[in-house]
Amino acid sequence: MGFKKIGLPTPRLAPFARHAKRSYGFCVKFASVSILGLCFVFVWYMFSPSASSVTYQRSTFGEIAEPVSDRGELRTSQSSVVPVRNEPDLKVEKEEKKVVNGSVGLDRGNGHKDHTKEEKGVKVVKKGDKDEKKADEAVESDSENGNENEVEGESEDRENALDGGESAGSEVELVQADESDELKAKRAKKPKFKGPLFDPKAEYVWKLCNTRSKHNYMPCIDIEVASKRIQSYRHHERSCPKNPLMCLVPLPHDGYQTPVSWPESKEKIRFTNVAHPKLTQFIKTQNWVVESGEYLTFPQNQSELTGGIAHYLESIEETVPDIEWGKNIRVILDIGCKDSSFGAFLSDKNVFTLSLGLKDDLVDLAQVNLERGFPTVVSPFATRRLPFPSGTFDTVHCGECAIHWQSNGGKLLIEMNRILRPAGYLILSSKHDSIEDDEAMSKLTASIGWNVLAHKTDDVSDIGIRIYQKPESNEIYALRRKKVPPMCKENENPDAAWFVPIKPCLHPIPSAIEERGTEWPEEWPKRLHTFPDWMNNKDKLVSDTEHWKAVVEKSYLTGMGIDWLTIRNVMDMHAIYGSFAAALIEQKVWVMNVVPVYAPDTLPIIFERGLVGVYHDWCESFGTYPRSYDLLHADHLFSRLKNRCRKAVTVVVEMDRILRPGGWAIIREKGPIIKSLEEVFKSLHWEIRLAFVQNKEGILCVQKTMWRP
């Protein structure tokens, strides 16, 4: 019937259909089916949209109108919006899954966005928008002339040189190995954008962020807007805003004052810099922190523990003589930040204590830790792995952190088992433990093969102390009667940590001499410059260490105009082997080494040297409070973001968030990127202290001011 309506010669086809039913052979039947198929294709071609229209729709996604609110108005801010031409590097791409630090996650860098909409907190105005055709030609001309378009390939060559090129992964055997062939092929086929990293025609008009957390806003941790459905203050897990942060976090309401310098900051800090309503109430119940005028003071050897922190640590050493603070025990993870006296006391013993501020700490004690000058990172700890490699911490400490280790199948304790090095220690202390909790904890630790070294109550402090030790070989796993939790599969990567759920399984303990973790590191400070056998290419590590030692001594310490007596909290935003941190070891600073999730996985080497760091994706906000760091160091960081982040300028905004007023940033990059960054920093009213470009390479030294829009 349908064929007759459109005038096709169906009667002539009927005989063929009748003859096809007879046994005239396979050829007749095949010819009949073929003719019917051709007729169908002809009808589809004549009456369906053309292929060209599909192409047209795909290429014009950028012209979709602004989303309309319920009232029928455009959802824009109050100020007027100048139409913005799409940047060349913001092509519309299908969302593809991408391997991130050994795990599969969505590519956050290339999601589509209508750029006629004003970014929250900043109005991006571009020169020459009245004539878009000329602007496009100008960008194409810049691409042909080289400029920043050379950055991607050159920066890759540089990183390959530093990391050992294509052999870096095989030499250290640390590059994530979970990628499937299909994912590798997808990433290899990803197009390289030819546009500049920073839009040369952009002018920025900044605004303050308007969030619930105000001057303490952490974008990927705080819930920005309250609602009837969401009453909590912070996310249960790390969850970043849909659009990258493009506004400036305000200063504290009562003003911001220059922080107290180290080592005096161990004893007192300015209260206004960390002011928080719940912190005020909390202080009244504590004896280790006292409000004294405009300062918060920290009496020496005072803690929540009766008898003081010194007695607490000495009792641990007496109970387990193998624990020697500052010698074989160098890198500790302290969970909870409840009493910063633990890390404060151990810092005098050459112990690097990294405090983990939990997401439900509404008192903001992690910020107090940072203001005092102690290493701290803020992260949720619920269902995902912490951003650390496996087998790296010498000890994990949890004092009154109120974590229910036995809940949810013991997944949190299994995560501790992952990040502890073989034969590492877990130290728990609490005032009140129920019999049921003790029994459950005993069963759980036995199921994962841990040895109970101590379970006692201190006579002086009346604190219950439990010390466990992780196995140093796989023999204990084979002796378990019940194989629960089971052993992880061979293809499970223990170092995959970025947005990876906690696996309810145990990773085998390394046994071969060429594997990392078979031997305990050398005692500190010999550990810093001793490279074990599993680091195959030691010559590159030595040369990298010597290179950064020379750069720091001849340039950073004397040629930048930086007063290093005011520098305590330092971040290396693109760390490789931790050599920049090693070069600063004689200075009174600590360095947070950040290894990007898209770079070769060298973070285990950094921990092996007795330093600390985390995995991070710089397309997102870092897990720390505003105004946390005194100095940021970025060595060819931006050139590696070209095909990842939607806008590289958001990384500069994040630098403005985490750097203290008066703080410094040292950036080493390709010449064109240095020039673009200089303009962005000027728009933020930062002081340009040094800008030097030679032979396509450049260095930029800038200092943040008190300016806020």
Foldseek 3Di string as FASTA:
>chain_A
DVCVVVPDPVVVLVVLVVVLVDPPDDVSVVVSVVVVVVVVVVVCCVPDDDPVVVVVVQQCPLVDDADADPVRDHPADPDDADADDDFQLQHDDDWDWAQFLQRTDTFLARHDDRVSGADPFKHKDFPPPVPVVVVVVVQVVCLVVPFQLVLQVVLLVVQCVLQVHPCNCVLLVFFHDNDDPVNVVVVVPDDFGSGHQARPGIDMDGGEDDFPVQLWDFQQWADGDDDPVDPDGTDLFGHHDSDFDRHFRAAQPVDDDQWDFPPVLLFKTFCSRLPDVVLVVVQVVADQWDDDPRMIGGDPQGWPFFVGPVVVVVVVCVLPVVDDQQWLAAEEEEEALPTCNNVSVSVVSNHQYEYEHASRPNSPSQLSCLSSQHHYFYGHQDWAAFQFFFQQHQEYEYEPRPDQCLPPPNLSVLSVLGRHFAFHKYKYKDQDDDPVSVVSVVVSCVLQPKDWSDFDADPRRRMTMTMITHHLACPSCVPDPDCFVPADDPSDHSGRGDPHTRDRHHYGHDDDQLDPRNDRAGIPPVQQLDDGNVSRCVVSVVVLLVVLLCCCVVDVVPPQPDDLSRFAEEEEQDDAQCSNQVSCVPGNYAYAYEHESVRGPNQSNCSSSSHHYGYDHLLGAGRDTFQRGQEYEYEAPSSNCSNRHNRSVSSVSNVSGRHHQFGKYKYKRFLSVLVVVVSSVVSQVWAWRDWDHDPRIIMTMIGHHSDHD
